[in-house]
Amino acid sequence: MEIFKWLDKQAYVLSYEVLEFRQHETAFYWKLKIVFVDNSVLFSKEYIAGSLRKYSFHWQSAEGILNIRWDNAPHYPHIQTHPHHKHLETEENVMESYDISLEDVLDYVFSQIKLK
C-alpha cells in the first residue's frame, strides 16, 4: 500500500509495525504502531467499508502518556462535531474535532516534533 512506501521515506518516522491488516472485497482494517524519532508513538486503527469509516489515532509520549487521540466513536453526543472528537492529554479532556485522516495526523505530529 502507498502509505507504507510513504512512511518509509519520512525523516520523522523511526519505525512502524503493522499490528493487524485485513482486506476484503469492499472493506479493509488496519492497525499500525508508528514510532517517531523522539520515541513518541502513534497507534492508528482504521476500518473502512463502503461509506462507513471508523478510526482512532492515539499519539502518546515515549513514557506512554497521552498527547492527543482523535476518534469517531459515538460516545460524546453532546459535542457539536459528533461523532468526531479528540482527547487532549487526558481521557476526560474531550474537544470538538473533524473527520481526520492518517495523513492529517502525521502532518500534525511532524509539526510538533519539529518544535522540540
N, C-alpha and C. Protein backbone atom coordinates (compact mmCIF):
# COMPACT_ATOMS: atom_id res chain seq x y z
N MET A 1 0.84 -1.18 0.00
CA MET A 1 0.00 0.00 0.00
C MET A 1 0.88 1.24 0.00
N GLU A 2 0.34 2.28 -0.53
CA GLU A 2 1.09 3.53 -0.67
C GLU A 2 1.52 4.13 0.66
N ILE A 3 0.69 3.98 1.69
CA ILE A 3 1.02 4.57 2.98
C ILE A 3 2.33 4.01 3.53
N PHE A 4 2.59 2.74 3.31
CA PHE A 4 3.81 2.13 3.82
C PHE A 4 5.05 2.65 3.08
N LYS A 5 4.91 2.83 1.79
CA LYS A 5 6.01 3.42 1.00
C LYS A 5 6.27 4.84 1.48
N TRP A 6 5.19 5.57 1.75
CA TRP A 6 5.32 6.95 2.22
C TRP A 6 5.99 7.00 3.58
N LEU A 7 5.59 6.12 4.50
CA LEU A 7 6.19 6.09 5.84
C LEU A 7 7.69 5.78 5.76
N ASP A 8 8.07 4.92 4.85
CA ASP A 8 9.49 4.57 4.68
C ASP A 8 10.35 5.79 4.36
N LYS A 9 9.76 6.79 3.74
CA LYS A 9 10.51 7.96 3.28
C LYS A 9 10.53 9.12 4.28
N GLN A 10 9.80 9.00 5.39
CA GLN A 10 9.65 10.12 6.32
C GLN A 10 10.79 10.18 7.32
N ALA A 11 11.45 11.32 7.39
CA ALA A 11 12.58 11.51 8.29
C ALA A 11 12.18 11.43 9.75
N TYR A 12 10.94 11.75 10.08
CA TYR A 12 10.49 11.76 11.47
C TYR A 12 9.99 10.39 11.96
N VAL A 13 9.91 9.42 11.05
CA VAL A 13 9.47 8.08 11.41
C VAL A 13 10.68 7.21 11.67
N LEU A 14 10.81 6.75 12.90
CA LEU A 14 11.90 5.85 13.27
C LEU A 14 11.60 4.43 12.81
N SER A 15 10.38 3.98 13.05
CA SER A 15 9.96 2.64 12.62
C SER A 15 8.44 2.57 12.63
N TYR A 16 7.92 1.54 11.98
CA TYR A 16 6.49 1.27 12.08
C TYR A 16 6.27 -0.23 11.99
N GLU A 17 5.15 -0.63 12.54
CA GLU A 17 4.82 -2.06 12.59
C GLU A 17 3.34 -2.21 12.23
N VAL A 18 3.05 -3.12 11.36
CA VAL A 18 1.67 -3.45 11.03
C VAL A 18 1.22 -4.49 12.05
N LEU A 19 0.38 -4.09 12.97
CA LEU A 19 -0.10 -4.98 14.02
C LEU A 19 -1.21 -5.89 13.52
N GLU A 20 -1.99 -5.37 12.59
CA GLU A 20 -3.08 -6.15 12.02
C GLU A 20 -3.47 -5.53 10.69
N PHE A 21 -3.78 -6.38 9.73
CA PHE A 21 -4.24 -5.89 8.42
C PHE A 21 -5.18 -6.94 7.84
N ARG A 22 -6.38 -6.51 7.52
CA ARG A 22 -7.36 -7.39 6.88
C ARG A 22 -8.00 -6.64 5.72
N GLN A 23 -8.12 -7.33 4.61
CA GLN A 23 -8.73 -6.71 3.44
C GLN A 23 -9.74 -7.69 2.85
N HIS A 24 -10.92 -7.15 2.52
CA HIS A 24 -11.97 -7.92 1.88
C HIS A 24 -12.30 -7.22 0.57
N GLU A 25 -13.23 -7.73 -0.16
CA GLU A 25 -13.56 -7.14 -1.46
C GLU A 25 -13.90 -5.66 -1.37
N THR A 26 -14.68 -5.28 -0.38
CA THR A 26 -15.14 -3.89 -0.28
C THR A 26 -14.78 -3.23 1.04
N ALA A 27 -13.88 -3.84 1.82
CA ALA A 27 -13.55 -3.28 3.13
C ALA A 27 -12.11 -3.59 3.50
N PHE A 28 -11.56 -2.78 4.40
CA PHE A 28 -10.25 -3.10 4.97
C PHE A 28 -10.16 -2.57 6.39
N TYR A 29 -9.25 -3.17 7.13
CA TYR A 29 -8.97 -2.78 8.51
C TYR A 29 -7.48 -2.84 8.70
N TRP A 30 -6.93 -1.81 9.33
CA TRP A 30 -5.52 -1.88 9.69
C TRP A 30 -5.30 -1.31 11.07
N LYS A 31 -4.25 -1.81 11.68
CA LYS A 31 -3.82 -1.34 12.99
C LYS A 31 -2.31 -1.20 12.90
N LEU A 32 -1.81 0.02 13.12
CA LEU A 32 -0.40 0.33 12.97
C LEU A 32 0.17 0.88 14.27
N LYS A 33 1.45 0.66 14.45
CA LYS A 33 2.21 1.31 15.53
C LYS A 33 3.36 2.03 14.84
N ILE A 34 3.40 3.35 15.00
CA ILE A 34 4.42 4.17 14.35
C ILE A 34 5.24 4.84 15.45
N VAL A 35 6.55 4.63 15.42
CA VAL A 35 7.46 5.23 16.40
C VAL A 35 8.21 6.36 15.69
N PHE A 36 8.24 7.52 16.34
CA PHE A 36 8.88 8.69 15.77
C PHE A 36 10.27 8.89 16.36
N VAL A 37 11.04 9.79 15.79
CA VAL A 37 12.43 9.99 16.21
C VAL A 37 12.57 10.47 17.64
N ASP A 38 11.51 11.04 18.21
CA ASP A 38 11.55 11.44 19.63
C ASP A 38 11.04 10.32 20.54
N ASN A 39 10.83 9.14 19.96
CA ASN A 39 10.33 7.94 20.64
C ASN A 39 8.87 8.03 21.07
N SER A 40 8.16 9.06 20.64
CA SER A 40 6.72 9.07 20.84
C SER A 40 6.12 8.03 19.88
N VAL A 41 4.90 7.62 20.17
CA VAL A 41 4.28 6.51 19.42
C VAL A 41 2.87 6.89 19.00
N LEU A 42 2.53 6.55 17.78
CA LEU A 42 1.17 6.71 17.28
C LEU A 42 0.60 5.33 17.03
N PHE A 43 -0.55 5.06 17.67
CA PHE A 43 -1.31 3.84 17.40
C PHE A 43 -2.47 4.25 16.50
N SER A 44 -2.53 3.65 15.34
CA SER A 44 -3.53 4.02 14.34
C SER A 44 -4.41 2.81 14.04
N LYS A 45 -5.74 3.01 14.11
CA LYS A 45 -6.69 1.98 13.72
C LYS A 45 -7.69 2.61 12.76
N GLU A 46 -7.96 1.88 11.69
CA GLU A 46 -8.91 2.40 10.73
C GLU A 46 -9.65 1.25 10.07
N TYR A 47 -10.96 1.40 9.96
CA TYR A 47 -11.82 0.42 9.30
C TYR A 47 -12.67 1.17 8.29
N ILE A 48 -12.66 0.70 7.06
CA ILE A 48 -13.45 1.33 6.00
C ILE A 48 -14.20 0.24 5.25
N ALA A 49 -15.50 0.41 5.15
CA ALA A 49 -16.36 -0.49 4.38
C ALA A 49 -17.43 0.36 3.70
N GLY A 50 -17.27 0.59 2.42
CA GLY A 50 -18.20 1.47 1.71
C GLY A 50 -18.14 2.87 2.27
N SER A 51 -19.28 3.40 2.70
CA SER A 51 -19.30 4.76 3.27
C SER A 51 -19.04 4.76 4.78
N LEU A 52 -18.94 3.59 5.39
CA LEU A 52 -18.66 3.50 6.82
C LEU A 52 -17.17 3.61 7.07
N ARG A 53 -16.81 4.49 7.99
CA ARG A 53 -15.40 4.66 8.36
C ARG A 53 -15.31 4.85 9.87
N LYS A 54 -14.51 4.00 10.50
CA LYS A 54 -14.24 4.13 11.94
C LYS A 54 -12.74 4.31 12.09
N TYR A 55 -12.34 5.21 12.98
CA TYR A 55 -10.91 5.47 13.15
C TYR A 55 -10.58 5.84 14.58
N SER A 56 -9.31 5.63 14.90
CA SER A 56 -8.74 6.08 16.17
C SER A 56 -7.26 6.29 15.94
N PHE A 57 -6.77 7.47 16.26
CA PHE A 57 -5.35 7.81 16.15
C PHE A 57 -4.89 8.29 17.53
N HIS A 58 -4.12 7.47 18.20
CA HIS A 58 -3.72 7.71 19.59
C HIS A 58 -2.21 7.98 19.61
N TRP A 59 -1.84 9.24 19.86
CA TRP A 59 -0.43 9.63 19.92
C TRP A 59 -0.03 9.82 21.37
N GLN A 60 1.01 9.13 21.79
CA GLN A 60 1.47 9.22 23.16
C GLN A 60 2.96 9.48 23.23
N SER A 61 3.39 9.99 24.37
CA SER A 61 4.81 10.27 24.59
C SER A 61 5.58 8.96 24.70
N ALA A 62 6.90 9.07 24.72
CA ALA A 62 7.76 7.90 24.89
C ALA A 62 7.48 7.21 26.22
N GLU A 63 6.98 7.97 27.19
CA GLU A 63 6.66 7.41 28.52
C GLU A 63 5.25 6.81 28.59
N GLY A 64 4.52 6.85 27.49
CA GLY A 64 3.18 6.27 27.45
C GLY A 64 2.07 7.20 27.89
N ILE A 65 2.36 8.50 27.98
CA ILE A 65 1.36 9.49 28.40
C ILE A 65 0.66 10.04 27.15
N LEU A 66 -0.66 10.07 27.20
CA LEU A 66 -1.46 10.54 26.07
C LEU A 66 -1.10 11.99 25.72
N ASN A 67 -0.77 12.21 24.46
CA ASN A 67 -0.64 13.57 23.93
C ASN A 67 -1.99 14.02 23.38
N ILE A 68 -2.51 13.22 22.46
CA ILE A 68 -3.80 13.51 21.83
C ILE A 68 -4.32 12.25 21.16
N ARG A 69 -5.63 12.09 21.17
CA ARG A 69 -6.25 11.00 20.43
C ARG A 69 -7.46 11.54 19.70
N TRP A 70 -7.52 11.24 18.42
CA TRP A 70 -8.66 11.58 17.59
C TRP A 70 -9.43 10.28 17.34
N ASP A 71 -10.75 10.35 17.44
CA ASP A 71 -11.54 9.19 17.06
C ASP A 71 -12.97 9.60 16.74
N ASN A 72 -13.72 8.65 16.21
CA ASN A 72 -15.11 8.93 15.88
C ASN A 72 -16.06 7.91 16.51
N ALA A 73 -15.67 7.39 17.67
CA ALA A 73 -16.58 6.54 18.45
C ALA A 73 -17.75 7.42 18.89
N PRO A 74 -18.97 6.95 18.77
CA PRO A 74 -20.14 7.81 19.02
C PRO A 74 -20.53 7.95 20.49
N HIS A 75 -19.58 8.16 21.39
CA HIS A 75 -19.91 8.22 22.80
C HIS A 75 -19.93 9.63 23.40
N TYR A 76 -19.86 10.67 22.60
CA TYR A 76 -19.98 12.05 23.12
C TYR A 76 -21.01 12.80 22.28
N PRO A 77 -22.28 12.45 22.38
CA PRO A 77 -23.30 13.06 21.51
C PRO A 77 -23.51 14.55 21.75
N HIS A 78 -23.06 15.07 22.89
CA HIS A 78 -23.23 16.49 23.19
C HIS A 78 -22.22 17.38 22.45
N ILE A 79 -21.20 16.79 21.88
CA ILE A 79 -20.20 17.57 21.15
C ILE A 79 -20.74 17.90 19.76
N GLN A 80 -20.59 19.14 19.36
CA GLN A 80 -21.16 19.62 18.11
C GLN A 80 -20.65 18.83 16.89
N THR A 81 -19.43 18.34 16.93
CA THR A 81 -18.86 17.63 15.78
C THR A 81 -19.06 16.11 15.89
N HIS A 82 -19.95 15.70 16.77
CA HIS A 82 -20.25 14.28 16.99
C HIS A 82 -20.41 13.55 15.67
N PRO A 83 -19.81 12.42 15.47
CA PRO A 83 -19.06 11.63 16.44
C PRO A 83 -17.57 11.97 16.52
N HIS A 84 -17.11 12.89 15.68
CA HIS A 84 -15.68 13.24 15.64
C HIS A 84 -15.30 14.06 16.87
N HIS A 85 -14.22 13.65 17.52
CA HIS A 85 -13.74 14.37 18.70
C HIS A 85 -12.28 14.03 18.95
N LYS A 86 -11.68 14.75 19.89
CA LYS A 86 -10.31 14.46 20.28
C LYS A 86 -10.17 14.57 21.79
N HIS A 87 -9.23 13.81 22.30
CA HIS A 87 -8.89 13.82 23.72
C HIS A 87 -7.52 14.47 23.83
N LEU A 88 -7.40 15.51 24.65
CA LEU A 88 -6.12 16.19 24.83
C LEU A 88 -5.56 15.88 26.20
N GLU A 89 -4.45 15.20 26.23
CA GLU A 89 -3.65 14.90 27.42
C GLU A 89 -4.33 14.00 28.44
N THR A 90 -5.65 13.98 28.51
CA THR A 90 -6.36 13.05 29.41
C THR A 90 -7.61 12.55 28.70
N GLU A 91 -8.11 11.44 29.14
CA GLU A 91 -9.35 10.89 28.58
C GLU A 91 -10.53 11.84 28.80
N GLU A 92 -10.51 12.58 29.91
CA GLU A 92 -11.63 13.44 30.28
C GLU A 92 -11.66 14.74 29.49
N ASN A 93 -10.54 15.18 28.96
CA ASN A 93 -10.47 16.44 28.24
C ASN A 93 -10.85 16.20 26.78
N VAL A 94 -12.15 16.24 26.49
CA VAL A 94 -12.69 15.94 25.17
C VAL A 94 -13.07 17.24 24.48
N MET A 95 -12.68 17.35 23.21
CA MET A 95 -12.95 18.56 22.44
C MET A 95 -13.50 18.22 21.07
N GLU A 96 -14.11 19.22 20.45
CA GLU A 96 -14.58 19.06 19.08
C GLU A 96 -13.40 18.77 18.16
N SER A 97 -13.68 18.03 17.12
CA SER A 97 -12.67 17.74 16.10
C SER A 97 -13.39 17.64 14.77
N TYR A 98 -12.79 17.01 13.82
CA TYR A 98 -13.37 16.85 12.50
C TYR A 98 -12.92 15.51 11.96
N ASP A 99 -13.50 15.10 10.87
CA ASP A 99 -13.10 13.86 10.21
C ASP A 99 -11.64 14.01 9.79
N ILE A 100 -10.78 13.18 10.32
CA ILE A 100 -9.34 13.35 10.14
C ILE A 100 -8.74 12.07 9.56
N SER A 101 -7.73 12.23 8.75
CA SER A 101 -7.07 11.08 8.11
C SER A 101 -5.72 10.81 8.77
N LEU A 102 -5.16 9.67 8.50
CA LEU A 102 -3.83 9.35 8.99
C LEU A 102 -2.82 10.37 8.50
N GLU A 103 -2.94 10.80 7.27
CA GLU A 103 -2.01 11.80 6.73
C GLU A 103 -2.11 13.12 7.51
N ASP A 104 -3.34 13.54 7.84
CA ASP A 104 -3.54 14.75 8.64
C ASP A 104 -2.88 14.62 10.01
N VAL A 105 -3.06 13.47 10.63
CA VAL A 105 -2.48 13.21 11.95
C VAL A 105 -0.96 13.24 11.86
N LEU A 106 -0.40 12.59 10.86
CA LEU A 106 1.06 12.58 10.71
C LEU A 106 1.60 13.99 10.47
N ASP A 107 0.90 14.79 9.69
CA ASP A 107 1.32 16.19 9.48
C ASP A 107 1.35 16.92 10.82
N TYR A 108 0.34 16.71 11.64
CA TYR A 108 0.29 17.36 12.95
C TYR A 108 1.44 16.88 13.84
N VAL A 109 1.65 15.58 13.91
CA VAL A 109 2.72 15.04 14.74
C VAL A 109 4.06 15.57 14.28
N PHE A 110 4.32 15.56 12.98
CA PHE A 110 5.58 16.07 12.46
C PHE A 110 5.78 17.53 12.85
N SER A 111 4.73 18.33 12.80
CA SER A 111 4.86 19.74 13.16
C SER A 111 5.20 19.90 14.63
N GLN A 112 4.71 19.02 15.48
CA GLN A 112 5.02 19.09 16.91
C GLN A 112 6.44 18.60 17.20
N ILE A 113 6.87 17.60 16.50
CA ILE A 113 8.24 17.10 16.68
C ILE A 113 9.25 18.16 16.24
N LYS A 114 8.93 18.88 15.17
CA LYS A 114 9.83 19.93 14.68
C LYS A 114 10.04 21.02 15.72
N LEU A 115 9.03 21.25 16.57
CA LEU A 115 9.12 22.32 17.55
C LEU A 115 10.02 21.95 18.73
N LYS A 116 10.32 20.68 18.87
CA LYS A 116 11.11 20.23 20.03
C LYS A 116 12.59 20.32 19.76
